[in-house]
Amino acid sequence: MKLRKILLMAVVLIIPGTVWAYGDNDASSKGAGICKKVNFSEFSPPNNTEVAPHSEFSFYASESTTPNTIKVTIKGQSVPVTVVQKQNGYKVSGKLPDSLKGAYAKINIDARGIAQCEVSDGWLVKVTE
């Protein structure tokens, strides 16, 4: 009988904390919240631009981004990037792989926000021969 009361008390204490952890359903259904604040901007070179092989690229990640989770891939290849903290976020830079020549390539960005939500973005460049 004592064990049953202890389990019941544990359930009563745990359930309200779990419900509160998810926040207001109305706010999340409108696309608000911390995940909405994670974004990428100032893509360089700009979208649909012709670039030389092994060109540099860069973009900014908002301050809500967890910097060590930023990953860049191009045509399935992981690309090493440098992440530098700036005043309102992070500047991320890298170079196109040498193997890219005479093709379009999408620079794919994946990262997580401080609430561990996943955010993806990217842009397209045309690599000359």
Protein backbone atom coordinates (compact mmCIF):
# COMPACT_ATOMS: atom_id res chain seq x y z
CA MET A 1 0.00 0.00 0.00
CA LYS A 2 2.85 2.37 0.81
CA LEU A 3 4.48 1.71 -2.56
CA ARG A 4 1.22 2.54 -4.34
CA LYS A 5 1.00 5.93 -2.56
CA ILE A 6 4.63 6.72 -3.40
CA LEU A 7 4.08 5.91 -7.09
CA LEU A 8 0.88 7.97 -7.17
CA MET A 9 2.68 10.93 -5.59
CA ALA A 10 5.56 10.59 -8.09
CA VAL A 11 3.13 10.61 -11.03
CA VAL A 12 1.33 13.69 -9.68
CA LEU A 13 4.64 15.55 -9.28
CA ILE A 14 6.10 14.53 -12.65
CA ILE A 15 3.11 15.08 -14.97
CA PRO A 16 2.60 18.85 -14.41
CA GLY A 17 6.33 19.49 -14.99
CA THR A 18 6.20 17.55 -18.25
CA VAL A 19 3.16 19.43 -19.48
CA TRP A 20 4.69 22.82 -18.66
CA ALA A 21 7.94 21.93 -20.42
CA TYR A 22 6.23 22.03 -23.82
CA GLY A 23 4.84 25.54 -23.39
CA ASP A 24 1.75 27.10 -24.90
CA ASN A 25 0.32 25.02 -27.76
CA ASP A 26 -1.14 28.11 -29.40
CA ALA A 27 2.29 29.77 -29.74
CA SER A 28 3.92 26.68 -31.24
CA SER A 29 1.14 26.19 -33.78
CA LYS A 30 1.74 29.68 -35.15
CA GLY A 31 5.42 28.94 -35.86
CA ALA A 32 6.63 31.06 -32.95
CA GLY A 33 9.25 30.05 -30.44
CA ILE A 34 12.97 29.54 -30.25
CA CYS A 35 13.22 27.44 -33.46
CA LYS A 36 11.77 30.31 -35.46
CA LYS A 37 14.65 32.53 -34.24
CA VAL A 38 17.33 30.28 -35.76
CA ASN A 39 18.08 31.52 -39.26
CA PHE A 40 20.84 31.93 -41.80
CA SER A 41 21.50 35.05 -43.86
CA GLU A 42 24.01 36.99 -45.99
CA PHE A 43 24.90 34.05 -48.23
CA SER A 44 28.10 34.68 -50.19
CA PRO A 45 28.42 34.19 -53.09
CA PRO A 46 24.77 35.05 -53.73
CA ASN A 47 22.24 32.44 -54.87
CA ASN A 48 22.62 31.25 -58.52
CA THR A 49 26.01 32.91 -58.99
CA GLU A 50 28.82 31.42 -61.11
CA VAL A 51 31.95 30.73 -59.08
CA ALA A 52 35.36 29.22 -59.68
CA PRO A 53 36.23 25.77 -58.28
CA HIS A 54 37.49 25.84 -54.68
CA SER A 55 35.89 29.28 -54.11
CA GLU A 56 35.20 30.53 -50.63
CA PHE A 57 31.64 30.77 -49.31
CA SER A 58 30.19 32.27 -46.16
CA PHE A 59 26.95 32.99 -44.34
CA TYR A 60 25.75 34.24 -41.00
CA ALA A 61 23.91 32.14 -38.41
CA SER A 62 21.72 33.88 -35.83
CA GLU A 63 22.75 33.98 -32.17
CA SER A 64 20.06 31.39 -31.33
CA THR A 65 22.11 28.80 -33.23
CA THR A 66 24.28 26.37 -31.28
CA PRO A 67 27.61 26.96 -33.09
CA ASN A 68 29.13 23.48 -32.71
CA THR A 69 26.10 21.92 -34.46
CA ILE A 70 26.53 23.84 -37.72
CA LYS A 71 27.20 21.35 -40.53
CA VAL A 72 27.67 22.10 -44.23
CA THR A 73 27.38 19.51 -46.99
CA ILE A 74 27.73 19.88 -50.74
CA LYS A 75 26.62 16.99 -52.99
CA GLY A 76 26.72 14.66 -50.01
CA GLN A 77 30.26 15.68 -48.97
CA SER A 78 30.83 17.14 -45.55
CA VAL A 79 32.67 20.45 -45.89
CA PRO A 80 34.92 21.80 -43.11
CA VAL A 81 33.85 25.24 -41.94
CA THR A 82 35.17 27.92 -39.62
CA VAL A 83 32.69 29.44 -37.18
CA VAL A 84 33.53 32.83 -35.67
CA GLN A 85 31.35 34.55 -33.11
CA LYS A 86 30.19 38.00 -34.21
CA GLN A 87 28.11 40.64 -32.46
CA ASN A 88 24.69 39.23 -33.43
CA GLY A 89 25.51 35.61 -34.22
CA TYR A 90 28.16 33.63 -36.04
CA LYS A 91 30.00 34.03 -39.33
CA VAL A 92 30.50 30.64 -40.98
CA SER A 93 32.98 30.24 -43.84
CA GLY A 94 34.49 27.45 -45.91
CA LYS A 95 35.64 26.48 -49.41
CA LEU A 96 33.96 24.49 -52.15
CA PRO A 97 35.47 21.01 -52.64
CA ASP A 98 38.07 20.71 -55.43
CA SER A 99 36.02 17.96 -57.07
CA LEU A 100 33.22 20.37 -58.02
CA LYS A 101 33.69 21.60 -61.58
CA GLY A 102 31.19 22.49 -64.29
CA ALA A 103 28.11 21.74 -62.20
CA TYR A 104 25.47 23.28 -60.02
CA ALA A 105 25.97 22.67 -56.33
CA LYS A 106 23.67 23.33 -53.42
CA ILE A 107 25.40 24.42 -50.24
CA ASN A 108 23.30 22.70 -47.55
CA ILE A 109 23.28 23.97 -43.98
CA ASP A 110 22.04 21.99 -40.99
CA ALA A 111 22.17 23.24 -37.40
CA ARG A 112 20.37 23.09 -34.09
CA GLY A 113 18.97 25.88 -32.00
CA ILE A 114 19.41 26.29 -28.28
CA ALA A 115 16.21 24.28 -27.76
CA GLN A 116 17.79 21.42 -29.83
CA CYS A 117 15.39 21.94 -32.74
CA GLU A 118 16.85 21.19 -36.18
CA VAL A 119 16.98 23.91 -38.84
CA SER A 120 18.06 23.47 -42.48
CA ASP A 121 18.71 25.96 -45.27
CA GLY A 122 21.03 26.46 -48.20
CA TRP A 123 21.62 28.07 -51.56
CA LEU A 124 22.69 27.17 -55.08
CA VAL A 125 25.88 28.11 -56.96
CA LYS A 126 27.16 27.18 -60.41
CA VAL A 127 30.77 26.05 -60.38
CA THR A 128 32.67 26.81 -63.59
CA GLU A 129 35.21 24.43 -65.16
